[in-house]
């Protein structure tokens, strides 16, 4: 297998060979309708092979949607599609009292391999156990925002991801985050609002207007980003606060910043304590304004990046902030 600039068709037999015939020992994970396997090339390099295992019209549509979108996406914070396979083979299957030949169509995507797995492996209530220091966490937050900005504002046709969550954020060897899993994603045009009668996604990360009324805009992704930002900082898996937090966002921010202050003070020779605590406070505040129940009061992803970099004020969003209720996931 040669690394080319654009995705290309790969023979099914080649994908079987590099995954040891899709054996369980090579399984990296599964979800939805697909299973992901580790592929080992002849030169020792590794790739990820995503195989559709539950073939229904819905699953096929989502799988093909992901492949179609990934063919056009090129960004450091978007997982890269290397190749694809859509191949039909004849297999022997039991039918009544005998075996007959049947056509079996395989759908596979070959993606760049992310050795540090998905972000959800590093979200924990115990700050130390996750192994991620503050600067790495900030780099993850910033990288996800850059990837989302590319989808919303820089792709050939803008894209709403609609399933942004820690399992769909992969980390490379340097903990650079890359957004993946585009099966639910939608193309949209400027100022367009999409209505849907059906929705699919992870409760706790889904914006209320999408979950309850089927309204799809880029602000649905902003909501999800806000939840992820707070999870990366606080270590809490449930959106957005632990169950005992029902007070104002100010109390929440002070509590979480103090936890980080104590942790950072324990590190010998830590020289940027105050600057990092200010950065942590800013990121929590950004997360909170992203999950505002009113979508028109959430910032665009460009404004979020400007806030992170100190180029945009958060004052208007803070004034219009409505502390959301605790969601039970």
Foldseek 3Di string as FASTA:
>chain_A
DDFDPAAEADDPVQQCVQQVNVDPVQWPADDDQWTWGWGADPVRFIKIKIKGHDDDPLSVQLLVQQVVVLRQDDDPQAWHWHYWYWDKDWDWDDDDPGTDIDIDTITMTITGDAVVAWQVCQQAQDNVVSVDDLVLLVQQLLLVLVQQCCQQPNGPFHKQQQADDRNQWGAHPSGRTHGGRRSPMDTDDPPDKDADPDGDYDPQQAQPCCVPGVIDDSLRNLLNSLCVLQRSQNSDPGPHDPPVDDDDVVVVLVVSLVVSLVVQVPDPPRDCSVVSSVLSSLSNLLSQLSNANDSVLRDDSVLVSCSSVVNHDCVVSVVVGDGDDGDDD
